[in-house]
Amino acid sequence: MAQEKPNVVFIHVDQMHAAAVSAYGNPYVKTPNMDRMVSDGYSFMKNYCTMPQCCPSRASWYTGRMSKEHGVVVNACPIRPDVPDLGQWLRDNGGYESVYTGKWHVSGRNVRESFNVLLDSGQGEVNDSAVARTAIAYLLNRRNSEQPFFLNVGFMNPHDCCYTAGASGGVGKFMFAQEIQDDLPPLPENFRDSPRYAGRTAGWGKIGWRYYIYSYYRLVEMVDAEIGRVYDALMRSPYRDNTLLIFTSDHGDGLGFHGNISKGYLEEEAWQVPAVVVFPGHVSAGVRDSEKLVTGVDIPATICDYAGVPPLPEMTIGRSWRPLFEGKDVHWREYVVGETSIGRTSTAIRGRRFKTIFHKDEASQIYDMEADPLEQENISETARGKEIEKMHRELFREYIQSIQVCPEPTWGELKPNQRRHYQNYLAWYESILES
C-alpha cells in the first residue's frame, strides 16, 4: 500500500542572521546549498521567531504556543509538562515515526520522550558533521517505507560564534590571521558603539568587529556544507517527491548591526530569521515572499496541516502556510508579535510598514521599516510615531487577550532571575490590560 501522508524534514540551525544567505544578495558569504533550497522552494522574507533566544523559540516550534504560553520565557525555564510537543503529536495522532538528531534544547522536556533519537550534539564545529551523517543514514536506510516520518535535523552552527566572540578576550583564532585582513567584510551601515555588549567587545575596535563578522560567515558556510549533504540525500532518496522540507533558525545574531552581537533583543538582526519551504509539486519554486508576515508558531501549524492531524492544543497565533502555497485567497495577518525577557522585558509589534518595540520601564522605539529598514531613526517623538504607538498598543492589548498567558510555574524549581522574568512580564501584561 502506498504511503499517503507526506514525510516531514525539519532542518534548523542556531543563531543565523536572516541575510546571511548568498542567494539573498549577500556577497560576503557563500551558501550554495541554502541557495539551492531557495531556488527549489518558497522563501518568507519577513519571518520572525517568537522570542530571540534558544529555548523559548524552540519550545514554540514544538508546541505551537508563544513563549508566554508554554512557560519557557528564558533559557532553562522548564516547559509546561501538560503541553504536548510536535514529536508526540504526530506520533500519536498521525502515525508518524518521529526522529531527532542534533540540538534539541527545549528546557524541561527530555527529547527521548518525544522522538527516536539518533544523536545528541554539542559544539557545531565538532558535531554538525555527525548530525548530518546520522540524518543521511536514516534517509538512505529506512526499511518501513509505508510509515510517514518526521525527521528533525538540528545543527548548532553558526552558534559557535558565541565561542569565537569570547576566545582569548578577543574575537578568536581569526584575530591572529593578518593575511585575511583584505577579505574582511565592511561594518553594517547602522553599526555604532553599543553599551549592551561592551564587556564582551571592549578593545575590539572596528577591525575586531570585522573579524567577528568574517568568522561568523565562515561558520555559516560550515553548516551550509552539512545542510547540503542532507539535502542531497533527500533529493536522491525515494522520499523526494513526498517530503515537506522546512528550513529556519531559532533566532538571529547581532552581526554588528547596531553594534550588537548575540541575541535576546527585538531589533531585526536578532528577531528576524530565514524560512524556506521545499515540497516538489506542492510548493512553488523560486518564490521570495516579501509581503506576508510569518512567525515561528506557523511552522507547527503548517506541519500539522500537511500531516492531516488536528492543530496542537490551544494554538492561538500560529497559522498554516499551506493556503499561501496553494494560491488561495486568504486574509493574512496584519502584524506579528515578538517577546523577550532577557535584559529588559520587551514586546515588539511588526506591522506591514511600522514596527514598535515596547519596553516595560523605558520609552518605546518606533521605526518606519519601509523608509528605514536598518532601524536608524526612532520616530517615537514625532506626530506619526505617537499615532503608530497608540495603534500598536491596542494591538499589544489585543495580543495579550488572545493568548493563554502562562502563570508563574509550579512544576519546577526556578532560579531567582527566572522567577523575576515571570513576575516582570505578568505585572506588565496586567498593567497593559488595565490601561
Protein backbone atom coordinates (compact mmCIF):
# COMPACT_ATOMS: atom_id res chain seq x y z
CA MET A 1 0.00 0.00 0.00
CA ALA A 2 1.42 3.39 -0.97
CA GLN A 3 2.09 5.96 1.73
CA GLU A 4 -0.48 8.74 1.65
CA LYS A 5 0.77 11.18 4.26
CA PRO A 6 3.78 13.33 3.35
CA ASN A 7 7.03 12.96 5.23
CA VAL A 8 8.41 16.00 7.01
CA VAL A 9 12.06 17.04 7.28
CA PHE A 10 12.65 19.99 9.60
CA ILE A 11 16.18 21.39 9.31
CA HIS A 12 17.10 24.12 11.76
CA VAL A 13 20.25 25.99 12.62
CA ASP A 14 21.14 28.14 15.61
CA GLN A 15 21.70 31.90 15.65
CA MET A 16 21.56 32.63 11.93
CA HIS A 17 21.15 36.19 10.69
CA ALA A 18 18.33 36.37 8.14
CA ALA A 19 20.55 37.96 5.49
CA ALA A 20 23.47 35.51 5.80
CA VAL A 21 22.47 33.72 2.58
CA SER A 22 24.27 34.41 -0.68
CA ALA A 23 21.09 33.83 -2.73
CA TYR A 24 19.57 36.85 -0.99
CA GLY A 25 22.37 39.07 -2.26
CA ASN A 26 24.99 38.85 0.47
CA PRO A 27 28.40 38.99 -1.28
CA TYR A 28 30.42 38.17 1.86
CA VAL A 29 29.19 34.62 2.41
CA LYS A 30 28.83 31.66 0.04
CA THR A 31 25.92 29.31 0.78
CA PRO A 32 25.43 27.18 -2.34
CA ASN A 33 23.26 24.63 -0.56
CA MET A 34 20.90 27.08 1.10
CA ASP A 35 20.83 28.80 -2.28
CA ARG A 36 19.60 25.54 -3.85
CA MET A 37 16.78 25.34 -1.32
CA VAL A 38 15.90 28.96 -2.04
CA SER A 39 15.84 28.15 -5.76
CA ASP A 40 13.79 24.98 -5.22
CA GLY A 41 11.40 26.44 -2.67
CA TYR A 42 9.44 29.29 -1.18
CA SER A 43 11.24 31.88 0.97
CA PHE A 44 9.49 34.05 3.52
CA MET A 45 11.45 37.28 3.71
CA LYS A 46 9.55 38.58 6.75
CA ASN A 47 9.76 35.61 9.09
CA TYR A 48 10.20 36.18 12.82
CA CYS A 49 10.97 33.90 15.74
CA THR A 50 8.62 34.10 18.72
CA MET A 51 11.46 35.07 21.06
CA PRO A 52 15.11 35.61 20.12
CA GLN A 53 16.65 33.10 22.50
CA CYS A 54 17.22 29.36 22.01
CA CYS A 55 14.91 27.55 24.45
CA PRO A 56 11.85 29.83 24.19
CA SER A 57 11.96 29.89 20.38
CA ARG A 58 12.45 26.14 20.08
CA ALA A 59 9.65 25.41 22.54
CA SER A 60 7.38 27.48 20.27
CA TRP A 61 8.33 25.35 17.25
CA TYR A 62 7.29 22.20 19.05
CA THR A 63 4.19 23.37 20.94
CA GLY A 64 2.69 25.96 18.62
CA ARG A 65 2.49 28.38 21.53
CA MET A 66 4.14 31.71 22.23
CA SER A 67 6.87 31.97 24.84
CA LYS A 68 4.48 33.46 27.38
CA GLU A 69 2.14 30.47 26.85
CA HIS A 70 4.40 27.42 27.07
CA GLY A 71 6.30 28.67 30.10
CA VAL A 72 9.82 28.92 28.67
CA VAL A 73 10.26 32.68 28.99
CA VAL A 74 14.06 32.50 29.18
CA ASN A 75 16.66 29.78 28.66
CA ALA A 76 16.49 26.93 31.20
CA CYS A 77 12.95 27.74 32.36
CA PRO A 78 11.07 24.41 32.29
CA ILE A 79 8.31 23.94 29.75
CA ARG A 80 4.80 23.21 30.99
CA PRO A 81 4.63 19.42 31.42
CA ASP A 82 0.99 19.25 30.30
CA VAL A 83 1.75 20.72 26.86
CA PRO A 84 2.27 18.09 24.13
CA ASP A 85 5.03 18.63 21.61
CA LEU A 86 5.05 18.05 17.89
CA GLY A 87 7.00 14.80 18.06
CA GLN A 88 4.43 13.26 20.38
CA TRP A 89 1.52 14.80 18.48
CA LEU A 90 2.45 13.46 15.05
CA ARG A 91 3.36 10.06 16.50
CA ASP A 92 0.14 9.66 18.49
CA ASN A 93 -2.31 11.32 16.09
CA GLY A 94 -0.79 10.77 12.67
CA GLY A 95 1.11 7.51 12.92
CA TYR A 96 4.42 9.23 12.19
CA GLU A 97 7.83 7.94 13.13
CA SER A 98 9.24 10.95 14.98
CA VAL A 99 13.04 11.05 14.72
CA TYR A 100 15.57 13.54 16.05
CA THR A 101 19.24 14.22 15.52
CA GLY A 102 21.23 17.21 16.74
CA LYS A 103 20.47 20.08 19.08
CA TRP A 104 17.13 19.92 20.95
CA HIS A 105 17.39 22.49 23.77
CA VAL A 106 13.76 22.58 24.90
CA SER A 107 14.29 23.01 28.61
CA GLY A 108 12.37 20.69 30.91
CA ARG A 109 11.47 18.17 28.18
CA ASN A 110 13.54 15.04 27.56
CA VAL A 111 13.77 14.68 23.79
CA ARG A 112 13.61 10.89 24.17
CA GLU A 113 10.05 11.18 25.47
CA SER A 114 9.01 12.57 22.10
CA PHE A 115 11.40 11.25 19.44
CA ASN A 116 13.58 8.33 18.49
CA VAL A 117 16.95 9.99 19.00
CA LEU A 118 19.77 9.27 16.57
CA LEU A 119 22.36 11.65 18.05
CA ASP A 120 22.68 14.43 20.61
CA SER A 121 25.03 17.22 19.60
CA GLY A 122 27.29 19.83 21.11
CA GLN A 123 29.56 22.42 19.56
CA GLY A 124 28.88 22.87 15.85
CA GLU A 125 32.42 22.66 14.53
CA VAL A 126 32.80 19.34 16.35
CA ASN A 127 29.40 17.73 15.95
CA ASP A 128 27.44 19.14 13.00
CA SER A 129 29.08 16.75 10.55
CA ALA A 130 27.97 13.80 12.71
CA VAL A 131 24.44 15.21 12.82
CA ALA A 132 24.43 15.30 9.01
CA ARG A 133 25.76 11.74 8.77
CA THR A 134 23.04 10.36 11.03
CA ALA A 135 20.32 12.14 9.07
CA ILE A 136 21.73 10.83 5.79
CA ALA A 137 21.97 7.31 7.16
CA TYR A 138 18.35 7.48 8.25
CA LEU A 139 17.12 8.72 4.88
CA LEU A 140 19.06 6.15 2.88
CA ASN A 141 18.49 3.12 5.09
CA ARG A 142 14.84 3.19 6.15
CA ARG A 143 13.06 -0.11 5.78
CA ASN A 144 9.43 0.73 6.59
CA SER A 145 8.51 2.81 3.56
CA GLU A 146 4.79 2.80 4.36
CA GLN A 147 5.07 4.75 7.63
CA PRO A 148 5.49 8.52 7.27
CA PHE A 149 8.37 10.09 9.15
CA PHE A 150 9.07 13.40 10.87
CA LEU A 151 12.84 13.88 10.76
CA ASN A 152 14.33 16.76 12.73
CA VAL A 153 17.89 17.80 11.91
CA GLY A 154 19.19 20.30 14.44
CA PHE A 155 22.53 21.87 13.51
CA MET A 156 24.41 24.02 16.01
CA ASN A 157 26.29 26.42 13.76
CA PRO A 158 26.64 29.33 13.29
CA HIS A 159 26.14 29.39 17.08
CA ASP A 160 29.86 28.71 17.55
CA CYS A 161 30.24 32.47 17.06
CA CYS A 162 29.44 32.68 20.78
CA TYR A 163 32.73 30.91 21.48
CA THR A 164 34.59 32.91 18.87
CA ALA A 165 33.46 36.20 20.40
CA GLY A 166 34.84 35.28 23.79
CA ALA A 167 38.06 33.48 22.87
CA SER A 168 41.26 34.93 24.35
CA GLY A 169 39.41 38.12 25.25
CA GLY A 170 39.21 38.98 21.55
CA VAL A 171 37.47 37.54 18.54
CA GLY A 172 39.03 34.12 18.44
CA LYS A 173 41.50 32.49 16.14
CA PHE A 174 40.81 34.76 13.19
CA MET A 175 42.06 37.76 15.17
CA PHE A 176 45.57 36.47 14.62
CA ALA A 177 45.33 35.80 10.90
CA GLN A 178 46.68 39.02 9.40
CA GLU A 179 46.64 37.56 5.91
CA ILE A 180 42.82 37.74 5.71
CA GLN A 181 42.51 41.45 6.50
CA ASP A 182 41.89 42.34 2.87
CA ASP A 183 38.95 39.91 2.80
CA LEU A 184 37.14 41.27 5.84
CA PRO A 185 33.55 42.40 5.18
CA PRO A 186 32.67 46.00 5.99
CA LEU A 187 30.76 47.01 9.09
CA PRO A 188 26.99 47.27 8.68
CA GLU A 189 25.70 50.70 7.72
CA ASN A 190 23.97 51.02 11.11
CA PHE A 191 26.99 49.97 13.17
CA ARG A 192 27.58 52.04 16.27
CA ASP A 193 29.27 51.56 19.59
CA SER A 194 26.70 49.91 21.84
CA PRO A 195 26.92 49.63 25.63
CA ARG A 196 24.85 46.46 25.55
CA TYR A 197 27.82 44.18 24.92
CA ALA A 198 30.65 46.50 25.89
CA GLY A 199 32.06 43.96 28.33
CA ARG A 200 32.47 41.37 25.59
CA THR A 201 33.57 43.64 22.78
CA ALA A 202 35.80 46.08 24.65
CA GLY A 203 39.04 46.53 22.78
CA TRP A 204 37.79 45.06 19.52
CA GLY A 205 37.85 48.29 17.57
CA LYS A 206 36.35 48.36 14.11
CA ILE A 207 38.86 45.86 12.78
CA GLY A 208 37.92 43.41 15.54
CA TRP A 209 34.26 43.72 14.67
CA ARG A 210 35.08 42.96 11.05
CA TYR A 211 36.99 39.85 12.12
CA TYR A 212 33.93 38.77 14.08
CA ILE A 213 31.66 39.19 11.05
CA TYR A 214 34.17 37.36 8.85
CA SER A 215 34.38 34.40 11.23
CA TYR A 216 30.59 34.32 11.60
CA TYR A 217 30.19 33.93 7.84
CA ARG A 218 32.71 31.09 7.82
CA LEU A 219 30.58 29.29 10.41
CA VAL A 220 27.52 29.81 8.21
CA GLU A 221 29.43 28.27 5.31
CA MET A 222 30.46 25.37 7.52
CA VAL A 223 26.86 24.49 8.37
CA ASP A 224 25.77 25.14 4.78
CA ALA A 225 28.04 22.28 3.69
CA GLU A 226 26.36 19.90 6.15
CA ILE A 227 22.89 21.05 5.12
CA GLY A 228 23.86 20.32 1.53
CA ARG A 229 24.80 16.74 2.35
CA VAL A 230 21.40 16.14 3.95
CA TYR A 231 19.59 17.89 1.12
CA ASP A 232 21.44 15.79 -1.46
CA ALA A 233 20.49 12.62 0.39
CA LEU A 234 16.84 13.62 0.48
CA MET A 235 16.82 14.51 -3.22
CA ARG A 236 18.40 11.12 -4.03
CA SER A 237 16.03 9.19 -1.80
CA PRO A 238 12.68 7.63 -2.72
CA TYR A 239 11.03 10.23 -0.48
CA ARG A 240 11.98 13.23 -2.61
CA ASP A 241 8.55 13.93 -4.08
CA ASN A 242 6.57 13.21 -0.95
CA THR A 243 8.50 15.18 1.65
CA LEU A 244 7.79 18.61 3.03
CA LEU A 245 11.09 20.29 3.98
CA ILE A 246 11.23 23.35 6.21
CA PHE A 247 14.44 25.24 6.97
CA THR A 248 14.80 28.01 9.56
CA SER A 249 16.76 29.26 12.57
CA ASP A 250 15.74 29.71 16.20
CA HIS A 251 16.93 33.35 16.27
CA GLY A 252 19.42 35.64 14.61
CA ASP A 253 22.69 37.27 15.63
CA GLY A 254 23.65 40.92 16.05
CA LEU A 255 26.49 40.65 13.50
CA GLY A 256 27.49 44.23 14.28
CA PHE A 257 24.11 45.71 13.36
CA HIS A 258 23.51 48.50 15.91
CA GLY A 259 26.79 47.35 17.47
CA ASN A 260 25.11 44.15 18.63
CA ILE A 261 26.24 40.57 18.90
CA SER A 262 24.29 37.57 20.15
CA LYS A 263 20.51 37.68 20.69
CA GLY A 264 17.75 38.47 23.18
CA TYR A 265 16.54 41.81 21.80
CA LEU A 266 13.93 42.74 19.21
CA GLU A 267 15.87 44.67 16.60
CA GLU A 268 15.66 42.88 13.25
CA GLU A 269 19.11 41.28 13.43
CA ALA A 270 18.11 39.07 16.38
CA TRP A 271 14.37 38.72 15.78
CA GLN A 272 14.13 38.07 12.02
CA VAL A 273 15.23 34.65 10.74
CA PRO A 274 15.30 32.84 7.38
CA ALA A 275 12.50 30.46 6.40
CA VAL A 276 12.47 28.28 3.28
CA VAL A 277 9.94 25.58 2.37
CA VAL A 278 10.56 22.95 -0.32
CA PHE A 279 7.89 20.46 -1.41
CA PRO A 280 8.21 19.42 -5.07
CA GLY A 281 4.92 19.64 -6.93
CA HIS A 282 3.14 21.27 -3.99
CA VAL A 283 5.08 24.44 -3.17
CA SER A 284 6.15 26.83 -5.94
CA ALA A 285 9.88 27.07 -6.52
CA GLY A 286 11.93 30.25 -6.52
CA VAL A 287 9.37 32.39 -4.69
CA ARG A 288 10.51 35.14 -2.33
CA ASP A 289 7.51 36.40 -0.41
CA SER A 290 8.29 39.86 0.92
CA GLU A 291 4.71 40.68 1.83
CA LYS A 292 3.42 38.06 4.27
CA LEU A 293 4.34 38.42 7.93
CA VAL A 294 5.01 34.96 9.38
CA THR A 295 6.28 33.62 12.67
CA GLY A 296 7.77 30.56 14.35
CA VAL A 297 4.44 29.15 15.56
CA ASP A 298 3.29 28.94 11.94
CA ILE A 299 5.74 26.08 11.43
CA PRO A 300 3.90 23.51 13.60
CA ALA A 301 0.57 24.76 12.22
CA THR A 302 1.83 24.09 8.69
CA ILE A 303 3.25 20.68 9.56
CA CYS A 304 0.01 19.57 11.24
CA ASP A 305 -1.99 20.77 8.24
CA TYR A 306 0.05 18.76 5.73
CA ALA A 307 0.21 15.75 8.08
CA GLY A 308 -3.59 15.65 8.29
CA VAL A 309 -3.67 15.88 12.09
CA PRO A 310 -5.55 18.39 14.27
CA PRO A 311 -3.67 21.54 15.29
CA LEU A 312 -1.73 21.28 18.50
CA PRO A 313 -3.91 22.21 21.51
CA GLU A 314 -4.53 25.90 22.21
CA MET A 315 -2.62 27.25 19.25
CA THR A 316 -3.68 30.88 19.46
CA ILE A 317 -1.38 32.62 16.98
CA GLY A 318 0.01 30.08 14.53
CA ARG A 319 -1.45 29.76 11.03
CA SER A 320 -0.72 27.19 8.37
CA TRP A 321 1.19 28.40 5.32
CA ARG A 322 -0.46 25.80 3.12
CA PRO A 323 -3.21 28.10 1.75
CA LEU A 324 -0.50 30.59 0.73
CA PHE A 325 1.40 27.88 -1.13
CA GLU A 326 -1.79 26.75 -2.85
CA GLY A 327 -2.61 30.26 -4.02
CA LYS A 328 -5.84 30.53 -2.08
CA ASP A 329 -7.37 33.93 -1.41
CA VAL A 330 -6.95 34.16 2.35
CA HIS A 331 -6.89 37.19 4.59
CA TRP A 332 -3.47 37.05 6.20
CA ARG A 333 -2.41 38.62 9.50
CA GLU A 334 -1.60 42.31 9.69
CA TYR A 335 1.13 42.03 12.33
CA VAL A 336 3.38 39.64 14.21
CA VAL A 337 4.50 39.77 17.83
CA GLY A 338 7.88 39.12 19.38
CA GLU A 339 8.71 38.93 23.06
CA THR A 340 11.83 38.91 25.19
CA SER A 341 12.53 38.61 28.88
CA ILE A 342 16.31 38.92 28.60
CA GLY A 343 17.97 42.04 29.95
CA ARG A 344 14.78 44.05 29.77
CA THR A 345 11.20 42.90 29.38
CA SER A 346 10.03 43.92 25.90
CA THR A 347 7.49 43.14 23.21
CA ALA A 348 7.58 44.12 19.54
CA ILE A 349 4.71 44.65 17.14
CA ARG A 350 5.75 44.37 13.49
CA GLY A 351 3.12 45.61 11.08
CA ARG A 352 3.34 45.77 7.34
CA ARG A 353 5.20 49.07 7.46
CA PHE A 354 5.79 50.18 11.02
CA LYS A 355 7.37 48.46 13.99
CA THR A 356 7.17 49.31 17.67
CA ILE A 357 9.35 47.88 20.43
CA PHE A 358 7.61 48.34 23.77
CA HIS A 359 9.77 48.21 26.89
CA LYS A 360 8.35 47.65 30.36
CA ASP A 361 10.15 50.55 32.05
CA GLU A 362 11.55 52.57 29.14
CA ALA A 363 10.32 54.64 26.21
CA SER A 364 9.23 52.81 23.08
CA GLN A 365 11.19 52.58 19.84
CA ILE A 366 9.23 53.09 16.62
CA TYR A 367 10.56 52.60 13.11
CA ASP A 368 9.26 53.04 9.59
CA MET A 369 10.54 49.75 8.17
CA GLU A 370 9.80 50.79 4.61
CA ALA A 371 11.84 54.01 4.74
CA ASP A 372 14.28 52.86 7.41
CA PRO A 373 14.82 49.07 7.26
CA LEU A 374 18.03 49.33 9.32
CA GLU A 375 16.14 50.94 12.22
CA GLN A 376 18.32 54.01 12.50
CA GLU A 377 15.68 56.70 13.15
CA ASN A 378 13.40 56.26 16.14
CA ILE A 379 10.26 58.27 15.27
CA SER A 380 8.54 57.80 18.64
CA GLU A 381 8.55 61.54 19.37
CA THR A 382 7.00 62.56 16.04
CA ALA A 383 3.29 63.02 15.49
CA ARG A 384 3.24 59.98 13.19
CA GLY A 385 5.19 57.96 15.73
CA LYS A 386 2.75 58.77 18.51
CA GLU A 387 -0.11 57.71 16.26
CA ILE A 388 1.62 54.40 15.47
CA GLU A 389 2.42 53.79 19.14
CA LYS A 390 -1.22 54.25 20.10
CA MET A 391 -2.36 51.87 17.36
CA HIS A 392 0.27 49.27 18.21
CA ARG A 393 -0.53 49.50 21.92
CA GLU A 394 -4.06 48.45 21.05
CA LEU A 395 -2.64 45.53 19.06
CA PHE A 396 -0.46 44.65 22.05
CA ARG A 397 -3.57 44.61 24.25
CA GLU A 398 -5.38 42.51 21.63
CA TYR A 399 -2.46 40.08 21.62
CA ILE A 400 -2.44 39.68 25.41
CA GLN A 401 -6.17 38.98 25.39
CA SER A 402 -5.82 36.40 22.61
CA ILE A 403 -3.11 34.20 24.15
CA GLN A 404 -3.28 31.86 27.12
CA VAL A 405 -0.82 33.66 29.39
CA CYS A 406 1.13 31.12 31.44
CA PRO A 407 1.07 31.70 35.21
CA GLU A 408 4.24 31.57 37.25
CA PRO A 409 5.09 27.86 37.12
CA THR A 410 4.72 25.45 39.99
CA TRP A 411 6.06 22.45 38.05
CA GLY A 412 9.77 23.04 38.54
CA GLU A 413 12.26 24.94 40.60
CA LEU A 414 13.06 28.37 39.22
CA LYS A 415 16.23 30.33 39.77
CA PRO A 416 15.73 33.84 41.18
CA ASN A 417 16.37 35.51 37.81
CA GLN A 418 13.86 33.19 36.11
CA ARG A 419 11.21 33.94 38.70
CA ARG A 420 11.91 37.63 38.20
CA HIS A 421 11.28 37.26 34.45
CA TYR A 422 7.88 35.73 35.14
CA GLN A 423 6.90 38.34 37.69
CA ASN A 424 8.03 41.20 35.45
CA TYR A 425 6.04 40.19 32.41
CA LEU A 426 2.94 39.14 34.36
CA ALA A 427 2.83 42.52 36.09
CA TRP A 428 3.46 44.32 32.82
CA TYR A 429 0.75 42.46 30.93
CA GLU A 430 -1.73 43.15 33.71
CA SER A 431 -0.90 46.85 33.59
CA ILE A 432 -1.40 46.94 29.80
CA LEU A 433 -4.82 45.35 30.11
CA GLU A 434 -5.82 47.84 32.81
CA SER A 435 -4.56 50.91 30.96
